[in-house]
C-alpha atoms as a PDB file:
ATOM      1  CA  MET A   1     113.169  53.890 174.677  1.00  0.00           C
ATOM      2  CA  ARG A   2     109.846  52.872 173.348  1.00  0.00           C
ATOM      3  CA  GLU A   3     107.894  55.156 171.108  1.00  0.00           C
ATOM      4  CA  LYS A   4     104.244  55.538 171.897  1.00  0.00           C
ATOM      5  CA  LYS A   5     101.866  54.758 169.090  1.00  0.00           C
ATOM      6  CA  ILE A   6      99.205  57.367 168.514  1.00  0.00           C
ATOM      7  CA  SER A   7      95.926  56.158 167.134  1.00  0.00           C
ATOM      8  CA  THR A   8      94.730  57.496 163.798  1.00  0.00           C
ATOM      9  CA  GLU A   9      91.669  59.049 165.445  1.00  0.00           C
ATOM     10  CA  LYS A  10      93.851  61.134 167.753  1.00  0.00           C
ATOM     11  CA  LYS A  11      96.021  62.160 164.811  1.00  0.00           C
ATOM     12  CA  LYS A  12      92.973  63.311 162.849  1.00  0.00           C
ATOM     13  CA  GLU A  13      91.635  65.189 165.893  1.00  0.00           C
ATOM     14  CA  TYR A  14      95.018  66.842 166.432  1.00  0.00           C
ATOM     15  CA  LEU A  15      95.299  67.832 162.767  1.00  0.00           C
ATOM     16  CA  SER A  16      91.775  69.274 162.681  1.00  0.00           C
ATOM     17  CA  LYS A  17      92.393  71.342 165.833  1.00  0.00           C
ATOM     18  CA  ASN A  18      95.689  72.500 164.391  1.00  0.00           C
ATOM     19  CA  PHE A  19      94.028  73.484 161.121  1.00  0.00           C
ATOM     20  CA  ILE A  20      91.329  75.485 162.902  1.00  0.00           C
ATOM     21  CA  LEU A  21      93.892  77.329 165.032  1.00  0.00           C
ATOM     22  CA  ASN A  22      96.162  78.086 162.086  1.00  0.00           C
ATOM     23  CA  THR A  23      93.234  79.329 160.013  1.00  0.00           C
ATOM     24  CA  SER A  24      92.081  81.562 162.878  1.00  0.00           C
ATOM     25  CA  ILE A  25      95.574  83.006 163.258  1.00  0.00           C
ATOM     26  CA  LEU A  26      95.805  83.763 159.542  1.00  0.00           C
ATOM     27  CA  ILE A  27      92.398  85.477 159.552  1.00  0.00           C
ATOM     28  CA  LEU A  28      93.390  87.625 162.550  1.00  0.00           C
ATOM     29  CA  ILE A  29      96.690  88.564 160.897  1.00  0.00           C
ATOM     30  CA  PHE A  30      94.788  89.610 157.774  1.00  0.00           C
ATOM     31  CA  ILE A  31      92.308  91.711 159.784  1.00  0.00           C
ATOM     32  CA  ASN A  32      95.148  93.390 161.716  1.00  0.00           C
ATOM     33  CA  SER A  33      96.980  94.147 158.479  1.00  0.00           C
ATOM     34  CA  VAL A  34      93.905  95.783 156.965  1.00  0.00           C
ATOM     35  CA  LEU A  35      93.294  97.851 160.086  1.00  0.00           C
ATOM     36  CA  ALA A  36      96.935  98.958 160.272  1.00  0.00           C
ATOM     37  CA  TYR A  37      96.835  99.960 156.593  1.00  0.00           C
ATOM     38  CA  LEU A  38      93.674 102.011 157.121  1.00  0.00           C
ATOM     39  CA  VAL A  39      95.116 103.764 160.187  1.00  0.00           C
ATOM     40  CA  PHE A  40      98.373 104.662 158.441  1.00  0.00           C
ATOM     41  CA  LYS A  41      96.472 105.789 155.373  1.00  0.00           C
ATOM     42  CA  ALA A  42      94.360 108.182 157.479  1.00  0.00           C
ATOM     43  CA  ILE A  43      97.342 109.855 159.210  1.00  0.00           C
ATOM     44  CA  PRO A  44      98.928 112.640 157.140  1.00  0.00           C
ATOM     45  CA  PHE A  45     102.691 112.054 157.076  1.00  0.00           C
ATOM     46  CA  ASN A  46     103.557 115.052 154.888  1.00  0.00           C
ATOM     47  CA  ALA A  47     105.476 117.488 157.073  1.00  0.00           C
ATOM     48  CA  GLY A  48     104.432 120.580 155.179  1.00  0.00           C
ATOM     49  CA  GLU A  49     101.364 122.480 154.163  1.00  0.00           C
ATOM     50  CA  SER A  50      98.895 119.640 154.690  1.00  0.00           C
ATOM     51  CA  VAL A  51      99.544 119.464 158.445  1.00  0.00           C
ATOM     52  CA  ASP A  52      99.336 123.246 158.803  1.00  0.00           C
ATOM     53  CA  ASN A  53      96.123 123.382 156.793  1.00  0.00           C
ATOM     54  CA  TYR A  54      94.680 120.560 158.845  1.00  0.00           C
ATOM     55  CA  LEU A  55      95.410 122.417 162.101  1.00  0.00           C
ATOM     56  CA  GLU A  56      94.056 125.708 160.793  1.00  0.00           C
ATOM     57  CA  ASP A  57      90.851 124.098 159.569  1.00  0.00           C
ATOM     58  CA  SER A  58      90.260 122.280 162.850  1.00  0.00           C
ATOM     59  CA  THR A  59      90.580 125.471 164.926  1.00  0.00           C
ATOM     60  CA  ALA A  60      88.189 127.395 162.692  1.00  0.00           C
ATOM     61  CA  VAL A  61      85.216 125.369 163.912  1.00  0.00           C
ATOM     62  CA  ARG A  62      83.248 126.923 166.760  1.00  0.00           C
ATOM     63  CA  ILE A  63      82.520 124.513 169.592  1.00  0.00           C
ATOM     64  CA  GLN A  64      79.387 124.984 171.659  1.00  0.00           C
ATOM     65  CA  VAL A  65      78.761 123.164 174.927  1.00  0.00           C
ATOM     66  CA  GLU A  66      75.364 122.886 176.519  1.00  0.00           C
ATOM     67  CA  VAL A  67      75.443 122.849 180.325  1.00  0.00           C
ATOM     68  CA  LEU A  68      72.556 120.860 181.724  1.00  0.00           C
ATOM     69  CA  ASN A  69      71.178 121.105 185.227  1.00  0.00           C
ATOM     70  CA  GLY A  70      71.655 117.756 186.915  1.00  0.00           C
ATOM     71  CA  CYS A  71      71.417 118.654 190.593  1.00  0.00           C
ATOM     72  CA  GLY A  72      67.714 119.530 190.775  1.00  0.00           C
ATOM     73  CA  VAL A  73      68.196 123.210 191.619  1.00  0.00           C
ATOM     74  CA  SER A  74      66.715 125.501 189.001  1.00  0.00           C
ATOM     75  CA  GLY A  75      68.904 128.211 187.486  1.00  0.00           C
ATOM     76  CA  VAL A  76      72.337 126.696 188.248  1.00  0.00           C
ATOM     77  CA  ALA A  77      73.153 125.996 184.605  1.00  0.00           C
ATOM     78  CA  GLU A  78      72.064 129.513 183.661  1.00  0.00           C
ATOM     79  CA  LYS A  79      74.494 131.022 186.167  1.00  0.00           C
ATOM     80  CA  LEU A  80      77.439 129.028 184.788  1.00  0.00           C
ATOM     81  CA  THR A  81      76.902 129.924 181.112  1.00  0.00           C
ATOM     82  CA  ASP A  82      77.504 133.289 179.472  1.00  0.00           C
END
């Protein structure tokens, strides 16, 4: 069989496209690695006091919800709240 000759211009174009794609892939891998590290760093993996303290502290906060009247009838939100 005959081998096809590829012009030098096509080779250069192919190599430049390949370089851009490979560089983009490496940058995305780096960004994903940094994000994964930050996520795992933020999650407490100690199965002991730190998890219990975290849960106790999060339930100690009082949550307030404001009910707004969105239907146009006055006094509906007042009836639903304590």
